[in-house]
Amino acid sequence: MAEAVADACQEFDFPEKESIGIGRSRDNEVVSTDTSVSRHHCLIVKNGGGYFIRDRESKNGFRLNKIPYVKRAVDLTDGDTLDIGECTRFRVEIY
């Protein structure tokens, strides 16, 4: 199970699914109101006992621990900081 905790203290418990969509569109599991976030911005995917994040052809990609990634997939680890858009930040907790 992974949990993403937004800076504004809003918590998202990810459902037990193989993938979790993040974006502005309401068909994502995590919906952002940040207008700089793409409708289908990124996808967190379960990979065995871990997770990775994959850009979904977003305009700006994402930043993981302040490192920018565009059109790539990167493994997530406990304590990572994920930034998408201009003002959406998550802290990843894997348990």
PDB file of N, CA and C in Angstrom:
ATOM      1  N   MET A   1       0.856  -1.176   0.000  1.00  0.00           N
ATOM      2  CA  MET A   1       0.000   0.000   0.000  1.00  0.00           C
ATOM      3  C   MET A   1       0.894   1.228   0.000  1.00  0.00           C
ATOM      4  N   ALA A   2       0.538   2.220  -0.755  1.00  0.00           N
ATOM      5  CA  ALA A   2       1.271   3.489  -0.768  1.00  0.00           C
ATOM      6  C   ALA A   2       0.306   4.587  -0.381  1.00  0.00           C
ATOM      7  N   GLU A   3       0.832   5.600   0.223  1.00  0.00           N
ATOM      8  CA  GLU A   3       0.011   6.742   0.604  1.00  0.00           C
ATOM      9  C   GLU A   3       0.749   7.996   0.163  1.00  0.00           C
ATOM     10  N   ALA A   4       0.043   8.923  -0.446  1.00  0.00           N
ATOM     11  CA  ALA A   4       0.648  10.198  -0.821  1.00  0.00           C
ATOM     12  C   ALA A   4       0.022  11.266   0.049  1.00  0.00           C
ATOM     13  N   VAL A   5       0.861  12.054   0.688  1.00  0.00           N
ATOM     14  CA  VAL A   5       0.383  13.076   1.600  1.00  0.00           C
ATOM     15  C   VAL A   5       0.691  14.440   0.998  1.00  0.00           C
ATOM     16  N   ALA A   6      -0.337  15.209   0.698  1.00  0.00           N
ATOM     17  CA  ALA A   6      -0.145  16.528   0.092  1.00  0.00           C
ATOM     18  C   ALA A   6       0.334  17.510   1.139  1.00  0.00           C
ATOM     19  N   ASP A   7       1.044  18.562   0.692  1.00  0.00           N
ATOM     20  CA  ASP A   7       1.558  19.581   1.608  1.00  0.00           C
ATOM     21  C   ASP A   7       0.468  20.204   2.463  1.00  0.00           C
ATOM     22  N   ALA A   8      -0.728  20.331   1.944  1.00  0.00           N
ATOM     23  CA  ALA A   8      -1.823  20.952   2.680  1.00  0.00           C
ATOM     24  C   ALA A   8      -2.453  19.966   3.663  1.00  0.00           C
ATOM     25  N   CYS A   9      -1.741  18.916   3.997  1.00  0.00           N
ATOM     26  CA  CYS A   9      -2.175  17.900   4.961  1.00  0.00           C
ATOM     27  C   CYS A   9      -3.385  17.109   4.489  1.00  0.00           C
ATOM     28  N   GLN A  10      -3.588  17.054   3.217  1.00  0.00           N
ATOM     29  CA  GLN A  10      -4.653  16.215   2.673  1.00  0.00           C
ATOM     30  C   GLN A  10      -4.034  14.864   2.349  1.00  0.00           C
ATOM     31  N   GLU A  11      -4.602  13.796   2.871  1.00  0.00           N
ATOM     32  CA  GLU A  11      -4.046  12.470   2.663  1.00  0.00           C
ATOM     33  C   GLU A  11      -4.851  11.708   1.628  1.00  0.00           C
ATOM     34  N   PHE A  12      -4.134  10.922   0.835  1.00  0.00           N
ATOM     35  CA  PHE A  12      -4.752  10.048  -0.152  1.00  0.00           C
ATOM     36  C   PHE A  12      -4.274   8.640   0.133  1.00  0.00           C
ATOM     37  N   ASP A  13      -5.173   7.758   0.532  1.00  0.00           N
ATOM     38  CA  ASP A  13      -4.832   6.346   0.627  1.00  0.00           C
ATOM     39  C   ASP A  13      -5.115   5.748  -0.737  1.00  0.00           C
ATOM     40  N   PHE A  14      -4.081   5.221  -1.341  1.00  0.00           N
ATOM     41  CA  PHE A  14      -4.267   4.632  -2.663  1.00  0.00           C
ATOM     42  C   PHE A  14      -4.988   3.305  -2.526  1.00  0.00           C
ATOM     43  N   PRO A  15      -5.990   3.090  -3.354  1.00  0.00           N
ATOM     44  CA  PRO A  15      -6.688   1.808  -3.308  1.00  0.00           C
ATOM     45  C   PRO A  15      -5.767   0.675  -3.759  1.00  0.00           C
ATOM     46  N   GLU A  16      -6.108  -0.519  -3.365  1.00  0.00           N
ATOM     47  CA  GLU A  16      -5.318  -1.685  -3.775  1.00  0.00           C
ATOM     48  C   GLU A  16      -5.570  -1.966  -5.252  1.00  0.00           C
ATOM     49  N   LYS A  17      -4.902  -1.219  -6.090  1.00  0.00           N
ATOM     50  CA  LYS A  17      -5.024  -1.374  -7.534  1.00  0.00           C
ATOM     51  C   LYS A  17      -3.636  -1.510  -8.122  1.00  0.00           C
ATOM     52  N   GLU A  18      -3.571  -1.952  -9.336  1.00  0.00           N
ATOM     53  CA  GLU A  18      -2.274  -2.089 -10.013  1.00  0.00           C
ATOM     54  C   GLU A  18      -1.709  -0.735 -10.440  1.00  0.00           C
ATOM     55  N   SER A  19      -2.592   0.257 -10.649  1.00  0.00           N
ATOM     56  CA  SER A  19      -2.110   1.584 -11.036  1.00  0.00           C
ATOM     57  C   SER A  19      -3.057   2.656 -10.507  1.00  0.00           C
ATOM     58  N   ILE A  20      -2.479   3.840 -10.256  1.00  0.00           N
ATOM     59  CA  ILE A  20      -3.212   4.974  -9.706  1.00  0.00           C
ATOM     60  C   ILE A  20      -2.943   6.180 -10.598  1.00  0.00           C
ATOM     61  N   GLY A  21      -3.995   6.739 -11.189  1.00  0.00           N
ATOM     62  CA  GLY A  21      -3.844   7.913 -12.037  1.00  0.00           C
ATOM     63  C   GLY A  21      -3.904   9.200 -11.235  1.00  0.00           C
ATOM     64  N   ILE A  22      -3.042  10.163 -11.590  1.00  0.00           N
ATOM     65  CA  ILE A  22      -3.047  11.487 -10.974  1.00  0.00           C
ATOM     66  C   ILE A  22      -3.204  12.511 -12.091  1.00  0.00           C
ATOM     67  N   GLY A  23      -4.140  13.434 -11.929  1.00  0.00           N
ATOM     68  CA  GLY A  23      -4.353  14.477 -12.933  1.00  0.00           C
ATOM     69  C   GLY A  23      -5.589  15.295 -12.613  1.00  0.00           C
ATOM     70  N   ARG A  24      -5.946  16.220 -13.517  1.00  0.00           N
ATOM     71  CA  ARG A  24      -7.112  17.075 -13.299  1.00  0.00           C
ATOM     72  C   ARG A  24      -8.431  16.402 -13.649  1.00  0.00           C
ATOM     73  N   SER A  25      -8.401  15.424 -14.529  1.00  0.00           N
ATOM     74  CA  SER A  25      -9.630  14.763 -14.952  1.00  0.00           C
ATOM     75  C   SER A  25     -10.219  13.935 -13.812  1.00  0.00           C
ATOM     76  N   ARG A  26     -11.547  13.947 -13.699  1.00  0.00           N
ATOM     77  CA  ARG A  26     -12.233  13.239 -12.617  1.00  0.00           C
ATOM     78  C   ARG A  26     -12.127  11.719 -12.707  1.00  0.00           C
ATOM     79  N   ASP A  27     -11.638  11.186 -13.833  1.00  0.00           N
ATOM     80  CA  ASP A  27     -11.498   9.738 -13.916  1.00  0.00           C
ATOM     81  C   ASP A  27     -10.171   9.238 -13.328  1.00  0.00           C
ATOM     82  N   ASN A  28      -9.367  10.136 -12.727  1.00  0.00           N
ATOM     83  CA  ASN A  28      -8.164   9.748 -12.003  1.00  0.00           C
ATOM     84  C   ASN A  28      -8.523   9.366 -10.570  1.00  0.00           C
ATOM     85  N   GLU A  29      -7.693   8.544  -9.953  1.00  0.00           N
ATOM     86  CA  GLU A  29      -7.907   8.194  -8.539  1.00  0.00           C
ATOM     87  C   GLU A  29      -7.559   9.387  -7.637  1.00  0.00           C
ATOM     88  N   VAL A  30      -6.558  10.177  -8.026  1.00  0.00           N
ATOM     89  CA  VAL A  30      -6.187  11.394  -7.306  1.00  0.00           C
ATOM     90  C   VAL A  30      -6.404  12.558  -8.256  1.00  0.00           C
ATOM     91  N   VAL A  31      -7.363  13.427  -7.922  1.00  0.00           N
ATOM     92  CA  VAL A  31      -7.730  14.548  -8.797  1.00  0.00           C
ATOM     93  C   VAL A  31      -7.146  15.834  -8.216  1.00  0.00           C
ATOM     94  N   SER A  32      -6.416  16.565  -9.061  1.00  0.00           N
ATOM     95  CA  SER A  32      -5.811  17.832  -8.667  1.00  0.00           C
ATOM     96  C   SER A  32      -6.601  18.986  -9.276  1.00  0.00           C
ATOM     97  N   THR A  33      -6.712  20.075  -8.536  1.00  0.00           N
ATOM     98  CA  THR A  33      -7.354  21.275  -9.067  1.00  0.00           C
ATOM     99  C   THR A  33      -6.319  22.269  -9.597  1.00  0.00           C
ATOM    100  N   ASP A  34      -5.041  21.916  -9.525  1.00  0.00           N
ATOM    101  CA  ASP A  34      -3.940  22.752 -10.008  1.00  0.00           C
ATOM    102  C   ASP A  34      -4.023  22.817 -11.539  1.00  0.00           C
ATOM    103  N   THR A  35      -4.241  24.011 -12.089  1.00  0.00           N
ATOM    104  CA  THR A  35      -4.422  24.155 -13.541  1.00  0.00           C
ATOM    105  C   THR A  35      -3.155  23.858 -14.337  1.00  0.00           C
ATOM    106  N   SER A  36      -1.995  23.780 -13.677  1.00  0.00           N
ATOM    107  CA  SER A  36      -0.760  23.439 -14.382  1.00  0.00           C
ATOM    108  C   SER A  36      -0.551  21.918 -14.454  1.00  0.00           C
ATOM    109  N   VAL A  37      -1.461  21.159 -13.878  1.00  0.00           N
ATOM    110  CA  VAL A  37      -1.422  19.700 -13.941  1.00  0.00           C
ATOM    111  C   VAL A  37      -2.240  19.261 -15.151  1.00  0.00           C
ATOM    112  N   SER A  38      -1.704  18.322 -15.917  1.00  0.00           N
ATOM    113  CA  SER A  38      -2.413  17.813 -17.091  1.00  0.00           C
ATOM    114  C   SER A  38      -3.626  16.988 -16.664  1.00  0.00           C
ATOM    115  N   ARG A  39      -4.572  16.812 -17.591  1.00  0.00           N
ATOM    116  CA  ARG A  39      -5.763  16.023 -17.277  1.00  0.00           C
ATOM    117  C   ARG A  39      -5.391  14.614 -16.827  1.00  0.00           C
ATOM    118  N   HIS A  40      -4.441  13.994 -17.483  1.00  0.00           N
ATOM    119  CA  HIS A  40      -3.913  12.677 -17.108  1.00  0.00           C
ATOM    120  C   HIS A  40      -2.404  12.840 -16.998  1.00  0.00           C
ATOM    121  N   HIS A  41      -1.942  13.318 -15.857  1.00  0.00           N
ATOM    122  CA  HIS A  41      -0.557  13.762 -15.709  1.00  0.00           C
ATOM    123  C   HIS A  41       0.436  12.611 -15.526  1.00  0.00           C
ATOM    124  N   CYS A  42       0.182  11.762 -14.542  1.00  0.00           N
ATOM    125  CA  CYS A  42       1.112  10.669 -14.288  1.00  0.00           C
ATOM    126  C   CYS A  42       0.367   9.475 -13.708  1.00  0.00           C
ATOM    127  N   LEU A  43       1.083   8.367 -13.645  1.00  0.00           N
ATOM    128  CA  LEU A  43       0.501   7.109 -13.208  1.00  0.00           C
ATOM    129  C   LEU A  43       1.471   6.456 -12.230  1.00  0.00           C
ATOM    130  N   ILE A  44       0.972   6.057 -11.062  1.00  0.00           N
ATOM    131  CA  ILE A  44       1.782   5.285 -10.128  1.00  0.00           C
ATOM    132  C   ILE A  44       1.391   3.827 -10.311  1.00  0.00           C
ATOM    133  N   VAL A  45       2.394   2.994 -10.552  1.00  0.00           N
ATOM    134  CA  VAL A  45       2.149   1.598 -10.906  1.00  0.00           C
ATOM    135  C   VAL A  45       2.799   0.677  -9.880  1.00  0.00           C
ATOM    136  N   LYS A  46       2.037  -0.319  -9.441  1.00  0.00           N
ATOM    137  CA  LYS A  46       2.554  -1.331  -8.527  1.00  0.00           C
ATOM    138  C   LYS A  46       3.485  -2.246  -9.301  1.00  0.00           C
ATOM    139  N   ASN A  47       4.649  -2.516  -8.726  1.00  0.00           N
ATOM    140  CA  ASN A  47       5.660  -3.319  -9.407  1.00  0.00           C
ATOM    141  C   ASN A  47       6.222  -4.319  -8.402  1.00  0.00           C
ATOM    142  N   GLY A  48       5.592  -5.489  -8.305  1.00  0.00           N
ATOM    143  CA  GLY A  48       6.002  -6.451  -7.288  1.00  0.00           C
ATOM    144  C   GLY A  48       5.710  -5.887  -5.912  1.00  0.00           C
ATOM    145  N   GLY A  49       6.741  -5.748  -5.078  1.00  0.00           N
ATOM    146  CA  GLY A  49       6.572  -5.188  -3.750  1.00  0.00           C
ATOM    147  C   GLY A  49       6.774  -3.687  -3.696  1.00  0.00           C
ATOM    148  N   GLY A  50       7.058  -3.056  -4.839  1.00  0.00           N
ATOM    149  CA  GLY A  50       7.315  -1.624  -4.869  1.00  0.00           C
ATOM    150  C   GLY A  50       6.408  -0.899  -5.840  1.00  0.00           C
ATOM    151  N   TYR A  51       6.772   0.334  -6.129  1.00  0.00           N
ATOM    152  CA  TYR A  51       5.991   1.183  -7.025  1.00  0.00           C
ATOM    153  C   TYR A  51       6.921   1.998  -7.908  1.00  0.00           C
ATOM    154  N   PHE A  52       6.419   2.385  -9.070  1.00  0.00           N
ATOM    155  CA  PHE A  52       7.129   3.369  -9.881  1.00  0.00           C
ATOM    156  C   PHE A  52       6.125   4.378 -10.402  1.00  0.00           C
ATOM    157  N   ILE A  53       6.629   5.532 -10.800  1.00  0.00           N
ATOM    158  CA  ILE A  53       5.778   6.575 -11.366  1.00  0.00           C
ATOM    159  C   ILE A  53       6.156   6.746 -12.831  1.00  0.00           C
ATOM    160  N   ARG A  54       5.137   6.920 -13.660  1.00  0.00           N
ATOM    161  CA  ARG A  54       5.340   7.084 -15.102  1.00  0.00           C
ATOM    162  C   ARG A  54       4.603   8.325 -15.573  1.00  0.00           C
ATOM    163  N   ASP A  55       5.309   9.179 -16.295  1.00  0.00           N
ATOM    164  CA  ASP A  55       4.686  10.348 -16.913  1.00  0.00           C
ATOM    165  C   ASP A  55       3.715   9.871 -17.986  1.00  0.00           C
ATOM    166  N   ARG A  56       2.573  10.518 -18.097  1.00  0.00           N
ATOM    167  CA  ARG A  56       1.554  10.133 -19.080  1.00  0.00           C
ATOM    168  C   ARG A  56       1.480  11.154 -20.205  1.00  0.00           C
ATOM    169  N   GLU A  57       2.665  11.470 -20.751  1.00  0.00           N
ATOM    170  CA  GLU A  57       2.746  12.442 -21.849  1.00  0.00           C
ATOM    171  C   GLU A  57       2.237  13.807 -21.400  1.00  0.00           C
ATOM    172  N   SER A  58       2.497  14.153 -20.145  1.00  0.00           N
ATOM    173  CA  SER A  58       2.093  15.461 -19.641  1.00  0.00           C
ATOM    174  C   SER A  58       2.946  16.545 -20.285  1.00  0.00           C
ATOM    175  N   LYS A  59       2.492  17.770 -20.165  1.00  0.00           N
ATOM    176  CA  LYS A  59       3.213  18.894 -20.761  1.00  0.00           C
ATOM    177  C   LYS A  59       4.537  19.166 -20.048  1.00  0.00           C
ATOM    178  N   ASN A  60       4.537  19.031 -18.703  1.00  0.00           N
ATOM    179  CA  ASN A  60       5.705  19.427 -17.915  1.00  0.00           C
ATOM    180  C   ASN A  60       6.399  18.300 -17.167  1.00  0.00           C
ATOM    181  N   GLY A  61       5.908  17.079 -17.258  1.00  0.00           N
ATOM    182  CA  GLY A  61       6.516  15.984 -16.522  1.00  0.00           C
ATOM    183  C   GLY A  61       6.300  16.136 -15.028  1.00  0.00           C
ATOM    184  N   PHE A  62       7.210  15.617 -14.245  1.00  0.00           N
ATOM    185  CA  PHE A  62       7.120  15.692 -12.791  1.00  0.00           C
ATOM    186  C   PHE A  62       8.536  15.835 -12.226  1.00  0.00           C
ATOM    187  N   ARG A  63       8.605  16.188 -10.945  1.00  0.00           N
ATOM    188  CA  ARG A  63       9.882  16.272 -10.250  1.00  0.00           C
ATOM    189  C   ARG A  63       9.836  15.299  -9.083  1.00  0.00           C
ATOM    190  N   LEU A  64      10.822  14.436  -9.028  1.00  0.00           N
ATOM    191  CA  LEU A  64      10.936  13.487  -7.935  1.00  0.00           C
ATOM    192  C   LEU A  64      12.185  13.851  -7.153  1.00  0.00           C
ATOM    193  N   ASN A  65      12.000  14.243  -5.893  1.00  0.00           N
ATOM    194  CA  ASN A  65      13.107  14.717  -5.059  1.00  0.00           C
ATOM    195  C   ASN A  65      13.858  15.855  -5.755  1.00  0.00           C
ATOM    196  N   LYS A  66      13.088  16.757  -6.368  1.00  0.00           N
ATOM    197  CA  LYS A  66      13.556  17.972  -7.047  1.00  0.00           C
ATOM    198  C   LYS A  66      14.247  17.727  -8.387  1.00  0.00           C
ATOM    199  N   ILE A  67      14.311  16.476  -8.838  1.00  0.00           N
ATOM    200  CA  ILE A  67      14.918  16.151 -10.136  1.00  0.00           C
ATOM    201  C   ILE A  67      13.798  16.043 -11.166  1.00  0.00           C
ATOM    202  N   PRO A  68      13.869  16.828 -12.267  1.00  0.00           N
ATOM    203  CA  PRO A  68      12.794  16.785 -13.266  1.00  0.00           C
ATOM    204  C   PRO A  68      12.882  15.540 -14.159  1.00  0.00           C
ATOM    205  N   TYR A  69      11.708  14.981 -14.454  1.00  0.00           N
ATOM    206  CA  TYR A  69      11.583  13.847 -15.366  1.00  0.00           C
ATOM    207  C   TYR A  69      10.454  14.147 -16.332  1.00  0.00           C
ATOM    208  N   VAL A  70      10.709  13.956 -17.611  1.00  0.00           N
ATOM    209  CA  VAL A  70       9.695  14.150 -18.639  1.00  0.00           C
ATOM    210  C   VAL A  70       9.653  12.880 -19.486  1.00  0.00           C
ATOM    211  N   LYS A  71       8.434  12.351 -19.664  1.00  0.00           N
ATOM    212  CA  LYS A  71       8.216  11.156 -20.490  1.00  0.00           C
ATOM    213  C   LYS A  71       9.103   9.988 -20.066  1.00  0.00           C
ATOM    214  N   ARG A  72       9.196   9.779 -18.731  1.00  0.00           N
ATOM    215  CA  ARG A  72       9.999   8.692 -18.194  1.00  0.00           C
ATOM    216  C   ARG A  72       9.271   8.013 -17.054  1.00  0.00           C
ATOM    217  N   ALA A  73       9.813   6.885 -16.646  1.00  0.00           N
ATOM    218  CA  ALA A  73       9.317   6.166 -15.476  1.00  0.00           C
ATOM    219  C   ALA A  73      10.460   6.053 -14.472  1.00  0.00           C
ATOM    220  N   VAL A  74      10.131   6.193 -13.180  1.00  0.00           N
ATOM    221  CA  VAL A  74      11.140   6.189 -12.124  1.00  0.00           C
ATOM    222  C   VAL A  74      10.584   5.419 -10.921  1.00  0.00           C
ATOM    223  N   ASP A  75      11.427   4.608 -10.279  1.00  0.00           N
ATOM    224  CA  ASP A  75      11.024   3.889  -9.070  1.00  0.00           C
ATOM    225  C   ASP A  75      10.762   4.866  -7.932  1.00  0.00           C
ATOM    226  N   LEU A  76       9.774   4.550  -7.115  1.00  0.00           N
ATOM    227  CA  LEU A  76       9.461   5.335  -5.917  1.00  0.00           C
ATOM    228  C   LEU A  76       9.993   4.620  -4.688  1.00  0.00           C
ATOM    229  N   THR A  77      10.490   5.403  -3.735  1.00  0.00           N
ATOM    230  CA  THR A  77      10.918   4.837  -2.465  1.00  0.00           C
ATOM    231  C   THR A  77      10.264   5.616  -1.335  1.00  0.00           C
ATOM    232  N   ASP A  78      10.217   5.004  -0.178  1.00  0.00           N
ATOM    233  CA  ASP A  78       9.610   5.624   0.986  1.00  0.00           C
ATOM    234  C   ASP A  78      10.285   6.961   1.285  1.00  0.00           C
ATOM    235  N   GLY A  79       9.475   8.000   1.481  1.00  0.00           N
ATOM    236  CA  GLY A  79       9.994   9.319   1.803  1.00  0.00           C
ATOM    237  C   GLY A  79      10.241  10.216   0.609  1.00  0.00           C
ATOM    238  N   ASP A  80      10.063   9.707  -0.600  1.00  0.00           N
ATOM    239  CA  ASP A  80      10.242  10.545  -1.798  1.00  0.00           C
ATOM    240  C   ASP A  80       9.286  11.722  -1.782  1.00  0.00           C
ATOM    241  N   THR A  81       9.710  12.822  -2.397  1.00  0.00           N
ATOM    242  CA  THR A  81       8.856  13.984  -2.604  1.00  0.00           C
ATOM    243  C   THR A  81       8.542  14.063  -4.088  1.00  0.00           C
ATOM    244  N   LEU A  82       7.265  14.125  -4.427  1.00  0.00           N
ATOM    245  CA  LEU A  82       6.805  14.166  -5.806  1.00  0.00           C
ATOM    246  C   LEU A  82       6.107  15.496  -6.044  1.00  0.00           C
ATOM    247  N   ASP A  83       6.595  16.261  -7.025  1.00  0.00           N
ATOM    248  CA  ASP A  83       5.971  17.522  -7.416  1.00  0.00           C
ATOM    249  C   ASP A  83       5.434  17.376  -8.831  1.00  0.00           C
ATOM    250  N   ILE A  84       4.154  17.745  -9.007  1.00  0.00           N
ATOM    251  CA  ILE A  84       3.584  17.814 -10.348  1.00  0.00           C
ATOM    252  C   ILE A  84       2.943  19.184 -10.493  1.00  0.00           C
ATOM    253  N   GLY A  85       2.977  19.712 -11.692  1.00  0.00           N
ATOM    254  CA  GLY A  85       2.448  21.050 -11.906  1.00  0.00           C
ATOM    255  C   GLY A  85       3.262  22.074 -11.132  1.00  0.00           C
ATOM    256  N   GLU A  86       2.659  23.221 -10.894  1.00  0.00           N
ATOM    257  CA  GLU A  86       3.360  24.303 -10.208  1.00  0.00           C
ATOM    258  C   GLU A  86       3.225  24.253  -8.691  1.00  0.00           C
ATOM    259  N   CYS A  87       2.133  23.672  -8.183  1.00  0.00           N
ATOM    260  CA  CYS A  87       1.947  23.752  -6.727  1.00  0.00           C
ATOM    261  C   CYS A  87       1.311  22.500  -6.129  1.00  0.00           C
ATOM    262  N   THR A  88       1.548  21.338  -6.720  1.00  0.00           N
ATOM    263  CA  THR A  88       1.022  20.097  -6.166  1.00  0.00           C
ATOM    264  C   THR A  88       2.200  19.240  -5.721  1.00  0.00           C
ATOM    265  N   ARG A  89       2.251  18.950  -4.433  1.00  0.00           N
ATOM    266  CA  ARG A  89       3.370  18.183  -3.869  1.00  0.00           C
ATOM    267  C   ARG A  89       2.832  17.034  -3.030  1.00  0.00           C
ATOM    268  N   PHE A  90       3.489  15.888  -3.164  1.00  0.00           N
ATOM    269  CA  PHE A  90       3.167  14.704  -2.385  1.00  0.00           C
ATOM    270  C   PHE A  90       4.426  14.184  -1.707  1.00  0.00           C
ATOM    271  N   ARG A  91       4.237  13.586  -0.548  1.00  0.00           N
ATOM    272  CA  ARG A  91       5.295  12.817   0.095  1.00  0.00           C
ATOM    273  C   ARG A  91       4.831  11.364   0.030  1.00  0.00           C
ATOM    274  N   VAL A  92       5.677  10.504  -0.464  1.00  0.00           N
ATOM    275  CA  VAL A  92       5.314   9.100  -0.654  1.00  0.00           C
ATOM    276  C   VAL A  92       5.693   8.315   0.595  1.00  0.00           C
ATOM    277  N   GLU A  93       4.729   7.560   1.109  1.00  0.00           N
ATOM    278  CA  GLU A  93       4.972   6.657   2.226  1.00  0.00           C
ATOM    279  C   GLU A  93       4.555   5.260   1.778  1.00  0.00           C
ATOM    280  N   ILE A  94       5.489   4.359   1.758  1.00  0.00           N
ATOM    281  CA  ILE A  94       5.190   2.979   1.341  1.00  0.00           C
ATOM    282  C   ILE A  94       5.258   2.106   2.583  1.00  0.00           C
ATOM    283  N   TYR A  95       4.169   1.375   2.810  1.00  0.00           N
ATOM    284  CA  TYR A  95       4.113   0.508   3.988  1.00  0.00           C
ATOM    285  C   TYR A  95       3.388  -0.765   3.674  1.00  0.00           C
TER     286      TYR A  95
END
